């Protein structure tokens, strides 16, 4: 008895259009810049929010990432 040939299907690669990815990439970039500002520069003369609340909130993260603050 002969065996029948079984066709093998190959998965097609998924294409991600740049037009759909670009807004999310811009959003992530802006969010990263805001986060870097608050962790790295939100104190003293460049402070947007008065007081030490933001500085104290990100203080340990600032040292962990290598930003000096003292």
PDB file of N, CA and C in Angstrom:
ATOM      1  N   UNK A   1       0.842  -1.169   0.000  1.00  0.00           N
ATOM      2  CA  UNK A   1       0.000   0.000   0.000  1.00  0.00           C
ATOM      3  C   UNK A   1       0.896   1.244   0.000  1.00  0.00           C
ATOM      4  N   UNK A   2       0.677   2.146  -0.909  1.00  0.00           N
ATOM      5  CA  UNK A   2       1.481   3.355  -1.054  1.00  0.00           C
ATOM      6  C   UNK A   2       0.913   4.473  -0.185  1.00  0.00           C
ATOM      7  N   UNK A   3       1.811   5.260   0.384  1.00  0.00           N
ATOM      8  CA  UNK A   3       1.357   6.378   1.207  1.00  0.00           C
ATOM      9  C   UNK A   3       1.118   7.594   0.320  1.00  0.00           C
ATOM     10  N   UNK A   4       0.071   8.330   0.647  1.00  0.00           N
ATOM     11  CA  UNK A   4      -0.245   9.541  -0.102  1.00  0.00           C
ATOM     12  C   UNK A   4       0.662  10.670   0.366  1.00  0.00           C
ATOM     13  N   UNK A   5       1.069  11.511  -0.550  1.00  0.00           N
ATOM     14  CA  UNK A   5       1.914  12.650  -0.210  1.00  0.00           C
ATOM     15  C   UNK A   5       1.089  13.699   0.528  1.00  0.00           C
ATOM     16  N   UNK A   6       1.606  14.142   1.643  1.00  0.00           N
ATOM     17  CA  UNK A   6       0.922  15.150   2.441  1.00  0.00           C
ATOM     18  C   UNK A   6       1.527  16.511   2.101  1.00  0.00           C
ATOM     19  N   UNK A   7       0.700  17.448   1.631  1.00  0.00           N
ATOM     20  CA  UNK A   7       1.248  18.780   1.312  1.00  0.00           C
ATOM     21  C   UNK A   7       1.640  19.520   2.593  1.00  0.00           C
ATOM     22  N   UNK A   8       2.775  20.185   2.550  1.00  0.00           N
ATOM     23  CA  UNK A   8       3.246  20.965   3.691  1.00  0.00           C
ATOM     24  C   UNK A   8       2.950  22.430   3.425  1.00  0.00           C
ATOM     25  N   UNK A   9       2.323  23.067   4.371  1.00  0.00           N
ATOM     26  CA  UNK A   9       2.041  24.489   4.215  1.00  0.00           C
ATOM     27  C   UNK A   9       3.123  25.293   4.938  1.00  0.00           C
ATOM     28  N   UNK A  10       3.522  26.373   4.335  1.00  0.00           N
ATOM     29  CA  UNK A  10       4.522  27.263   4.911  1.00  0.00           C
ATOM     30  C   UNK A  10       3.815  28.508   5.437  1.00  0.00           C
ATOM     31  N   UNK A  11       4.115  28.909   6.673  1.00  0.00           N
ATOM     32  CA  UNK A  11       3.481  30.125   7.197  1.00  0.00           C
ATOM     33  C   UNK A  11       4.006  31.360   6.458  1.00  0.00           C
ATOM     34  N   UNK A  12       3.094  32.242   6.141  1.00  0.00           N
ATOM     35  CA  UNK A  12       3.467  33.481   5.457  1.00  0.00           C
ATOM     36  C   UNK A  12       3.939  34.504   6.487  1.00  0.00           C
ATOM     37  N   UNK A  13       4.992  35.261   6.199  1.00  0.00           N
ATOM     38  CA  UNK A  13       5.439  36.290   7.145  1.00  0.00           C
ATOM     39  C   UNK A  13       4.409  37.406   7.263  1.00  0.00           C
ATOM     40  N   UNK A  14       4.299  37.931   8.451  1.00  0.00           N
ATOM     41  CA  UNK A  14       3.350  39.008   8.697  1.00  0.00           C
ATOM     42  C   UNK A  14       4.046  40.333   8.419  1.00  0.00           C
ATOM     43  N   UNK A  15       3.448  41.152   7.611  1.00  0.00           N
ATOM     44  CA  UNK A  15       4.012  42.469   7.349  1.00  0.00           C
ATOM     45  C   UNK A  15       3.307  43.497   8.225  1.00  0.00           C
ATOM     46  N   UNK A  16       4.092  44.334   8.889  1.00  0.00           N
ATOM     47  CA  UNK A  16       3.547  45.383   9.741  1.00  0.00           C
ATOM     48  C   UNK A  16       3.752  46.702   9.013  1.00  0.00           C
ATOM     49  N   UNK A  17       2.674  47.352   8.609  1.00  0.00           N
ATOM     50  CA  UNK A  17       2.824  48.628   7.894  1.00  0.00           C
ATOM     51  C   UNK A  17       3.424  49.704   8.799  1.00  0.00           C
ATOM     52  N   UNK A  18       4.348  50.471   8.252  1.00  0.00           N
ATOM     53  CA  UNK A  18       5.012  51.524   9.013  1.00  0.00           C
ATOM     54  C   UNK A  18       4.006  52.591   9.431  1.00  0.00           C
ATOM     55  N   UNK A  19       2.997  52.822   8.615  1.00  0.00           N
ATOM     56  CA  UNK A  19       1.981  53.832   8.960  1.00  0.00           C
ATOM     57  C   UNK A  19       1.224  53.475  10.235  1.00  0.00           C
ATOM     58  N   UNK A  20       1.095  52.201  10.539  1.00  0.00           N
ATOM     59  CA  UNK A  20       0.438  51.794  11.778  1.00  0.00           C
ATOM     60  C   UNK A  20       1.399  51.796  12.956  1.00  0.00           C
ATOM     61  N   UNK A  21       2.670  51.601  12.713  1.00  0.00           N
ATOM     62  CA  UNK A  21       3.656  51.531  13.777  1.00  0.00           C
ATOM     63  C   UNK A  21       4.184  52.912  14.172  1.00  0.00           C
ATOM     64  N   UNK A  22       4.233  53.837  13.244  1.00  0.00           N
ATOM     65  CA  UNK A  22       4.839  55.148  13.479  1.00  0.00           C
ATOM     66  C   UNK A  22       4.188  55.944  14.622  1.00  0.00           C
ATOM     67  N   UNK A  23       2.860  56.040  14.713  1.00  0.00           N
ATOM     68  CA  UNK A  23       2.283  56.796  15.843  1.00  0.00           C
ATOM     69  C   UNK A  23       2.662  56.212  17.204  1.00  0.00           C
ATOM     70  N   UNK A  24       2.730  54.899  17.313  1.00  0.00           N
ATOM     71  CA  UNK A  24       3.106  54.270  18.579  1.00  0.00           C
ATOM     72  C   UNK A  24       4.573  54.515  18.886  1.00  0.00           C
ATOM     73  N   UNK A  25       5.421  54.524  17.867  1.00  0.00           N
ATOM     74  CA  UNK A  25       6.841  54.796  18.078  1.00  0.00           C
ATOM     75  C   UNK A  25       7.055  56.242  18.525  1.00  0.00           C
ATOM     76  N   UNK A  26       6.315  57.178  17.936  1.00  0.00           N
ATOM     77  CA  UNK A  26       6.415  58.584  18.338  1.00  0.00           C
ATOM     78  C   UNK A  26       5.918  58.755  19.774  1.00  0.00           C
ATOM     79  N   UNK A  27       4.810  58.117  20.104  1.00  0.00           N
ATOM     80  CA  UNK A  27       4.262  58.178  21.459  1.00  0.00           C
ATOM     81  C   UNK A  27       5.267  57.626  22.477  1.00  0.00           C
ATOM     82  N   UNK A  28       5.876  56.488  22.173  1.00  0.00           N
ATOM     83  CA  UNK A  28       6.862  55.901  23.084  1.00  0.00           C
ATOM     84  C   UNK A  28       8.087  56.795  23.218  1.00  0.00           C
ATOM     85  N   UNK A  29       8.501  57.428  22.133  1.00  0.00           N
ATOM     86  CA  UNK A  29       9.646  58.334  22.183  1.00  0.00           C
ATOM     87  C   UNK A  29       9.379  59.559  23.038  1.00  0.00           C
ATOM     88  N   UNK A  30       8.196  60.161  22.882  1.00  0.00           N
ATOM     89  CA  UNK A  30       7.833  61.336  23.684  1.00  0.00           C
ATOM     90  C   UNK A  30       7.715  60.954  25.154  1.00  0.00           C
ATOM     91  N   UNK A  31       7.118  59.813  25.423  1.00  0.00           N
ATOM     92  CA  UNK A  31       6.989  59.337  26.800  1.00  0.00           C
ATOM     93  C   UNK A  31       8.367  59.090  27.411  1.00  0.00           C
ATOM     94  N   UNK A  32       9.295  58.527  26.648  1.00  0.00           N
ATOM     95  CA  UNK A  32      10.647  58.289  27.146  1.00  0.00           C
ATOM     96  C   UNK A  32      11.366  59.606  27.425  1.00  0.00           C
ATOM     97  N   UNK A  33      11.194  60.607  26.558  1.00  0.00           N
ATOM     98  CA  UNK A  33      11.826  61.904  26.793  1.00  0.00           C
ATOM     99  C   UNK A  33      11.282  62.579  28.046  1.00  0.00           C
ATOM    100  N   UNK A  34       9.981  62.484  28.253  1.00  0.00           N
ATOM    101  CA  UNK A  34       9.384  63.054  29.464  1.00  0.00           C
ATOM    102  C   UNK A  34       9.912  62.340  30.705  1.00  0.00           C
ATOM    103  N   UNK A  35      10.005  61.028  30.639  1.00  0.00           N
ATOM    104  CA  UNK A  35      10.525  60.261  31.773  1.00  0.00           C
ATOM    105  C   UNK A  35      11.979  60.611  32.052  1.00  0.00           C
ATOM    106  N   UNK A  36      12.796  60.727  31.013  1.00  0.00           N
ATOM    107  CA  UNK A  36      14.197  61.096  31.202  1.00  0.00           C
ATOM    108  C   UNK A  36      14.302  62.498  31.793  1.00  0.00           C
ATOM    109  N   UNK A  37      13.437  63.420  31.358  1.00  0.00           N
ATOM    110  CA  UNK A  37      13.469  64.767  31.940  1.00  0.00           C
ATOM    111  C   UNK A  37      13.163  64.719  33.435  1.00  0.00           C
ATOM    112  N   UNK A  38      12.094  64.036  33.806  1.00  0.00           N
ATOM    113  CA  UNK A  38      11.709  64.028  35.218  1.00  0.00           C
ATOM    114  C   UNK A  38      12.720  63.297  36.089  1.00  0.00           C
ATOM    115  N   UNK A  39      13.347  62.264  35.570  1.00  0.00           N
ATOM    116  CA  UNK A  39      14.344  61.554  36.362  1.00  0.00           C
ATOM    117  C   UNK A  39      15.663  62.316  36.380  1.00  0.00           C
ATOM    118  N   UNK A  40      16.045  62.915  35.262  1.00  0.00           N
ATOM    119  CA  UNK A  40      17.364  63.483  35.162  1.00  0.00           C
ATOM    120  C   UNK A  40      17.497  64.968  35.400  1.00  0.00           C
ATOM    121  N   UNK A  41      16.452  65.760  35.141  1.00  0.00           N
ATOM    122  CA  UNK A  41      16.649  67.209  35.178  1.00  0.00           C
ATOM    123  C   UNK A  41      15.607  67.970  35.979  1.00  0.00           C
ATOM    124  N   UNK A  42      14.649  67.322  36.554  1.00  0.00           N
ATOM    125  CA  UNK A  42      13.582  68.021  37.288  1.00  0.00           C
ATOM    126  C   UNK A  42      14.067  68.401  38.671  1.00  0.00           C
ATOM    127  N   UNK A  43      14.842  69.446  38.729  1.00  0.00           N
ATOM    128  CA  UNK A  43      15.293  70.001  40.005  1.00  0.00           C
ATOM    129  C   UNK A  43      15.946  71.340  39.742  1.00  0.00           C
ATOM    130  N   UNK A  44      15.967  72.165  40.716  1.00  0.00           N
ATOM    131  CA  UNK A  44      16.670  73.441  40.628  1.00  0.00           C
ATOM    132  C   UNK A  44      16.094  74.390  39.598  1.00  0.00           C
ATOM    133  N   UNK A  45      16.959  74.966  38.767  1.00  0.00           N
ATOM    134  CA  UNK A  45      16.560  75.999  37.811  1.00  0.00           C
ATOM    135  C   UNK A  45      15.694  75.455  36.685  1.00  0.00           C
ATOM    136  N   UNK A  46      15.809  74.174  36.369  1.00  0.00           N
ATOM    137  CA  UNK A  46      15.015  73.600  35.278  1.00  0.00           C
ATOM    138  C   UNK A  46      13.705  72.998  35.752  1.00  0.00           C
ATOM    139  N   UNK A  47      13.344  73.215  37.001  1.00  0.00           N
ATOM    140  CA  UNK A  47      12.156  72.595  37.581  1.00  0.00           C
ATOM    141  C   UNK A  47      10.872  73.190  37.009  1.00  0.00           C
ATOM    142  N   UNK A  48       9.986  72.328  36.557  1.00  0.00           N
ATOM    143  CA  UNK A  48       8.667  72.751  36.091  1.00  0.00           C
ATOM    144  C   UNK A  48       7.652  72.739  37.228  1.00  0.00           C
ATOM    145  N   UNK A  49       7.885  71.886  38.207  1.00  0.00           N
ATOM    146  CA  UNK A  49       6.983  71.746  39.353  1.00  0.00           C
ATOM    147  C   UNK A  49       7.736  72.216  40.587  1.00  0.00           C
ATOM    148  N   UNK A  50       7.162  73.173  41.294  1.00  0.00           N
ATOM    149  CA  UNK A  50       7.857  73.708  42.466  1.00  0.00           C
ATOM    150  C   UNK A  50       7.875  72.695  43.601  1.00  0.00           C
ATOM    151  N   UNK A  51       8.869  72.823  44.446  1.00  0.00           N
ATOM    152  CA  UNK A  51       8.996  71.925  45.584  1.00  0.00           C
ATOM    153  C   UNK A  51       9.891  70.739  45.265  1.00  0.00           C
ATOM    154  N   UNK A  52      10.015  69.848  46.236  1.00  0.00           N
ATOM    155  CA  UNK A  52      10.896  68.684  46.098  1.00  0.00           C
ATOM    156  C   UNK A  52      10.140  67.388  45.879  1.00  0.00           C
ATOM    157  N   UNK A  53       8.850  67.437  45.612  1.00  0.00           N
ATOM    158  CA  UNK A  53       8.054  66.219  45.511  1.00  0.00           C
ATOM    159  C   UNK A  53       8.535  65.310  44.384  1.00  0.00           C
ATOM    160  N   UNK A  54       8.731  65.858  43.198  1.00  0.00           N
ATOM    161  CA  UNK A  54       9.169  65.043  42.062  1.00  0.00           C
ATOM    162  C   UNK A  54      10.583  64.538  42.300  1.00  0.00           C
ATOM    163  N   UNK A  55      11.448  65.392  42.822  1.00  0.00           N
ATOM    164  CA  UNK A  55      12.833  64.987  43.090  1.00  0.00           C
ATOM    165  C   UNK A  55      12.879  63.824  44.070  1.00  0.00           C
ATOM    166  N   UNK A  56      12.130  63.911  45.134  1.00  0.00           N
ATOM    167  CA  UNK A  56      12.129  62.836  46.121  1.00  0.00           C
ATOM    168  C   UNK A  56      11.480  61.565  45.583  1.00  0.00           C
ATOM    169  N   UNK A  57      10.499  61.704  44.700  1.00  0.00           N
ATOM    170  CA  UNK A  57       9.822  60.535  44.146  1.00  0.00           C
ATOM    171  C   UNK A  57      10.750  59.733  43.237  1.00  0.00           C
ATOM    172  N   UNK A  58      11.598  60.421  42.463  1.00  0.00           N
ATOM    173  CA  UNK A  58      12.485  59.730  41.522  1.00  0.00           C
ATOM    174  C   UNK A  58      13.923  59.658  42.025  1.00  0.00           C
ATOM    175  N   UNK A  59      14.158  59.962  43.286  1.00  0.00           N
ATOM    176  CA  UNK A  59      15.515  60.061  43.829  1.00  0.00           C
ATOM    177  C   UNK A  59      16.305  58.768  43.682  1.00  0.00           C
ATOM    178  N   UNK A  60      15.762  57.651  44.097  1.00  0.00           N
ATOM    179  CA  UNK A  60      16.501  56.388  44.015  1.00  0.00           C
ATOM    180  C   UNK A  60      16.708  55.956  42.567  1.00  0.00           C
ATOM    181  N   UNK A  61      15.708  56.172  41.726  1.00  0.00           N
ATOM    182  CA  UNK A  61      15.855  55.854  40.306  1.00  0.00           C
ATOM    183  C   UNK A  61      16.919  56.714  39.651  1.00  0.00           C
ATOM    184  N   UNK A  62      17.023  57.943  40.098  1.00  0.00           N
ATOM    185  CA  UNK A  62      18.046  58.858  39.580  1.00  0.00           C
ATOM    186  C   UNK A  62      19.440  58.312  39.874  1.00  0.00           C
ATOM    187  N   UNK A  63      19.681  57.866  41.092  1.00  0.00           N
ATOM    188  CA  UNK A  63      20.985  57.304  41.431  1.00  0.00           C
ATOM    189  C   UNK A  63      21.208  55.975  40.710  1.00  0.00           C
ATOM    190  N   UNK A  64      20.183  55.172  40.585  1.00  0.00           N
ATOM    191  CA  UNK A  64      20.306  53.891  39.897  1.00  0.00           C
ATOM    192  C   UNK A  64      20.721  54.077  38.439  1.00  0.00           C
ATOM    193  N   UNK A  65      20.208  55.120  37.787  1.00  0.00           N
ATOM    194  CA  UNK A  65      20.531  55.389  36.388  1.00  0.00           C
ATOM    195  C   UNK A  65      21.803  56.231  36.217  1.00  0.00           C
ATOM    196  N   UNK A  66      22.407  56.654  37.307  1.00  0.00           N
ATOM    197  CA  UNK A  66      23.671  57.365  37.230  1.00  0.00           C
ATOM    198  C   UNK A  66      23.561  58.870  37.128  1.00  0.00           C
ATOM    199  N   UNK A  67      22.386  59.445  37.394  1.00  0.00           N
ATOM    200  CA  UNK A  67      22.236  60.886  37.385  1.00  0.00           C
ATOM    201  C   UNK A  67      22.654  61.440  38.742  1.00  0.00           C
ATOM    202  N   UNK A  68      23.572  62.414  38.776  1.00  0.00           N
ATOM    203  CA  UNK A  68      23.928  63.009  40.067  1.00  0.00           C
ATOM    204  C   UNK A  68      22.853  63.994  40.521  1.00  0.00           C
ATOM    205  N   UNK A  69      22.638  64.086  41.815  1.00  0.00           N
ATOM    206  CA  UNK A  69      21.658  65.052  42.297  1.00  0.00           C
ATOM    207  C   UNK A  69      22.052  65.706  43.609  1.00  0.00           C
ATOM    208  N   UNK A  70      23.205  65.399  44.148  1.00  0.00           N
ATOM    209  CA  UNK A  70      23.640  66.006  45.410  1.00  0.00           C
ATOM    210  C   UNK A  70      24.848  66.854  45.156  1.00  0.00           C
TER     211      UNK A  70
END
